[in-house]
Amino acid sequence: MKKAELFDDGFLKKFKTGDELNGFLKGHQKRGIEKMLEGELDGHLDYDKHQKSNQSNSRNGFSKKKVRTSFGESEIAAPRDREASFNPNLMENLNSKIRKYTKNKLSFPTDEAVIKSVYLAVREATKKWSMPIRNWGIILNQFLRIYEKRVGL
């Protein structure tokens, strides 16, 4: 299926404004992020949702998180685990940036020096958070191809 054929003209004509189209895409992006987090939790727990497991750690509902994307701010439902040991890749990335800033110093002269170092690490990391997701159009098209029976367009 070619990109041009993914959305037929009749479907695209239903959008009357750019805001309507952006709202549609924003909803799919939000859903995609939530499903990616759920998949990441499946890998962390080493079993799929609704499967039985003998592990002590298990799913523990969702928490609301705000994320900033190229379509604006969205509130997502982020999955949690009982032991609070699940850190999505986004958080691991932030932790590694903080470690990078603090690793080279074996000791800090004051508590303020530690706080300043962590602040600078977070500030550097957040510069990239407002950037749009690279190749989102291609990713969305692949989702729609893979899950075409699940997506009612």
Protein backbone atom coordinates (compact mmCIF):
# COMPACT_ATOMS: atom_id res chain seq x y z
CA MET A 1 0.00 0.00 0.00
CA LYS A 2 1.37 3.39 -0.99
CA LYS A 3 1.36 6.34 1.40
CA ALA A 4 -1.04 8.19 -0.88
CA GLU A 5 -3.52 5.30 -0.64
CA LEU A 6 -3.48 5.05 3.15
CA PHE A 7 -6.07 7.78 3.58
CA ASP A 8 -8.52 7.97 0.72
CA ASP A 9 -9.78 11.33 -0.50
CA GLY A 10 -13.23 10.77 0.98
CA PHE A 11 -11.77 10.31 4.43
CA LEU A 12 -9.54 13.37 4.16
CA LYS A 13 -12.43 15.54 2.96
CA LYS A 14 -14.18 14.96 6.28
CA PHE A 15 -11.72 17.33 7.96
CA LYS A 16 -12.95 20.89 7.57
CA THR A 17 -10.06 22.64 9.32
CA GLY A 18 -6.42 22.06 10.10
CA ASP A 19 -7.35 21.93 13.78
CA GLU A 20 -9.66 18.97 13.15
CA LEU A 21 -6.88 17.09 11.35
CA ASN A 22 -4.35 17.94 14.08
CA GLY A 23 -6.84 16.77 16.73
CA PHE A 24 -7.23 13.45 14.91
CA LEU A 25 -3.46 13.00 14.61
CA LYS A 26 -2.91 14.11 18.23
CA GLY A 27 -5.33 11.44 19.44
CA HIS A 28 -3.53 8.72 17.50
CA GLN A 29 -0.16 9.92 18.73
CA LYS A 30 -1.41 9.86 22.34
CA ARG A 31 -2.75 6.35 21.89
CA GLY A 32 0.50 5.25 20.24
CA ILE A 33 2.57 6.57 23.16
CA GLU A 34 0.33 4.81 25.68
CA LYS A 35 0.56 1.49 23.80
CA MET A 36 4.34 1.80 23.50
CA LEU A 37 4.56 2.32 27.29
CA GLU A 38 2.33 -0.70 27.88
CA GLY A 39 4.56 -2.78 25.60
CA GLU A 40 7.61 -1.57 27.49
CA LEU A 41 5.97 -2.62 30.78
CA ASP A 42 5.19 -6.05 29.28
CA GLY A 43 8.90 -6.44 28.56
CA HIS A 44 9.86 -5.21 32.03
CA LEU A 45 7.48 -7.64 33.78
CA ASP A 46 8.24 -10.42 31.28
CA TYR A 47 4.58 -11.29 30.69
CA ASP A 48 1.67 -9.85 28.70
CA LYS A 49 -1.38 -8.18 30.15
CA HIS A 50 -4.03 -10.66 31.41
CA GLN A 51 -1.49 -13.51 31.62
CA LYS A 52 -0.84 -15.25 34.92
CA SER A 53 2.56 -14.83 36.49
CA ASN A 54 4.33 -16.19 39.55
CA GLN A 55 6.33 -12.99 40.00
CA SER A 56 5.82 -10.71 42.97
CA ASN A 57 5.81 -7.64 40.73
CA SER A 58 2.71 -7.00 38.65
CA ARG A 59 0.74 -4.23 37.00
CA ASN A 60 -0.70 -1.58 39.29
CA GLY A 61 -3.00 0.55 37.17
CA PHE A 62 -2.13 3.82 35.49
CA SER A 63 -1.09 7.30 36.46
CA LYS A 64 -1.81 10.47 34.53
CA LYS A 65 1.20 12.15 32.95
CA LYS A 66 1.46 15.21 30.75
CA VAL A 67 3.64 14.96 27.65
CA ARG A 68 4.56 17.66 25.17
CA THR A 69 4.61 16.59 21.54
CA SER A 70 4.60 18.24 18.14
CA PHE A 71 0.79 18.35 18.39
CA GLY A 72 0.83 20.13 21.76
CA GLU A 73 0.41 18.92 25.30
CA SER A 74 -1.47 15.67 25.96
CA GLU A 75 -2.39 13.83 29.11
CA ILE A 76 -1.56 10.14 28.86
CA ALA A 77 -2.27 7.15 31.06
CA ALA A 78 1.16 5.75 31.96
CA PRO A 79 1.21 2.16 33.28
CA ARG A 80 2.68 1.40 36.71
CA ASP A 81 4.00 -1.68 38.46
CA ARG A 82 3.61 -2.61 42.14
CA GLU A 83 7.31 -2.42 42.99
CA ALA A 84 7.71 0.97 41.25
CA SER A 85 10.71 -0.41 39.38
CA PHE A 86 9.39 0.36 35.89
CA ASN A 87 11.25 3.26 34.29
CA PRO A 88 10.30 3.91 30.67
CA ASN A 89 13.15 4.67 28.27
CA LEU A 90 12.36 8.39 28.52
CA MET A 91 13.12 8.35 32.25
CA GLU A 92 16.21 6.22 31.78
CA ASN A 93 17.44 8.78 29.27
CA LEU A 94 16.96 11.58 31.81
CA ASN A 95 18.70 9.56 34.53
CA SER A 96 21.67 8.92 32.27
CA LYS A 97 21.97 12.65 31.53
CA ILE A 98 21.97 13.44 35.25
CA ARG A 99 24.59 10.74 35.88
CA LYS A 100 26.72 12.24 33.10
CA TYR A 101 26.70 15.64 34.83
CA THR A 102 27.44 14.23 38.30
CA LYS A 103 29.75 11.31 37.42
CA ASN A 104 32.91 13.32 36.86
CA LYS A 105 32.80 14.86 40.33
CA LEU A 106 33.52 12.50 43.18
CA SER A 107 32.35 15.02 45.74
CA PHE A 108 30.53 18.33 45.73
CA PRO A 109 31.60 21.18 48.00
CA THR A 110 28.02 22.06 48.98
CA ASP A 111 24.47 20.79 48.61
CA GLU A 112 23.82 23.74 46.32
CA ALA A 113 26.52 22.49 43.94
CA VAL A 114 24.71 19.14 43.62
CA ILE A 115 21.37 20.85 43.04
CA LYS A 116 22.90 23.15 40.43
CA SER A 117 24.48 20.20 38.60
CA VAL A 118 21.19 18.27 38.51
CA TYR A 119 19.33 21.42 37.43
CA LEU A 120 21.74 21.93 34.52
CA ALA A 121 21.37 18.29 33.45
CA VAL A 122 17.56 18.50 33.48
CA ARG A 123 17.63 21.83 31.64
CA GLU A 124 19.79 20.34 28.87
CA ALA A 125 17.55 17.27 28.59
CA THR A 126 14.31 19.29 28.43
CA LYS A 127 15.56 21.29 25.44
CA LYS A 128 14.98 18.19 23.34
CA TRP A 129 11.56 17.33 24.79
CA SER A 130 9.73 20.04 22.90
CA MET A 131 11.09 18.82 19.59
CA PRO A 132 8.60 16.92 17.43
CA ILE A 133 8.88 13.16 17.20
CA ARG A 134 11.07 12.38 14.21
CA ASN A 135 9.31 10.72 11.27
CA TRP A 136 5.92 10.67 13.02
CA GLY A 137 4.10 10.53 9.68
CA ILE A 138 6.00 7.40 8.66
CA ILE A 139 5.42 5.83 12.09
CA LEU A 140 1.69 6.59 11.95
CA ASN A 141 1.45 5.08 8.47
CA GLN A 142 3.18 1.91 9.69
CA PHE A 143 0.81 1.64 12.66
CA LEU A 144 -2.16 2.02 10.35
CA ARG A 145 -0.80 -0.66 8.01
CA ILE A 146 -0.04 -3.12 10.79
CA TYR A 147 -3.28 -2.51 12.73
CA GLU A 148 -5.59 -1.62 9.83
CA LYS A 149 -8.35 -3.94 11.10
CA ARG A 150 -8.23 -2.33 14.56
CA VAL A 151 -8.23 1.27 13.36
CA GLY A 152 -11.63 2.40 12.14
CA LEU A 153 -10.98 5.19 9.67
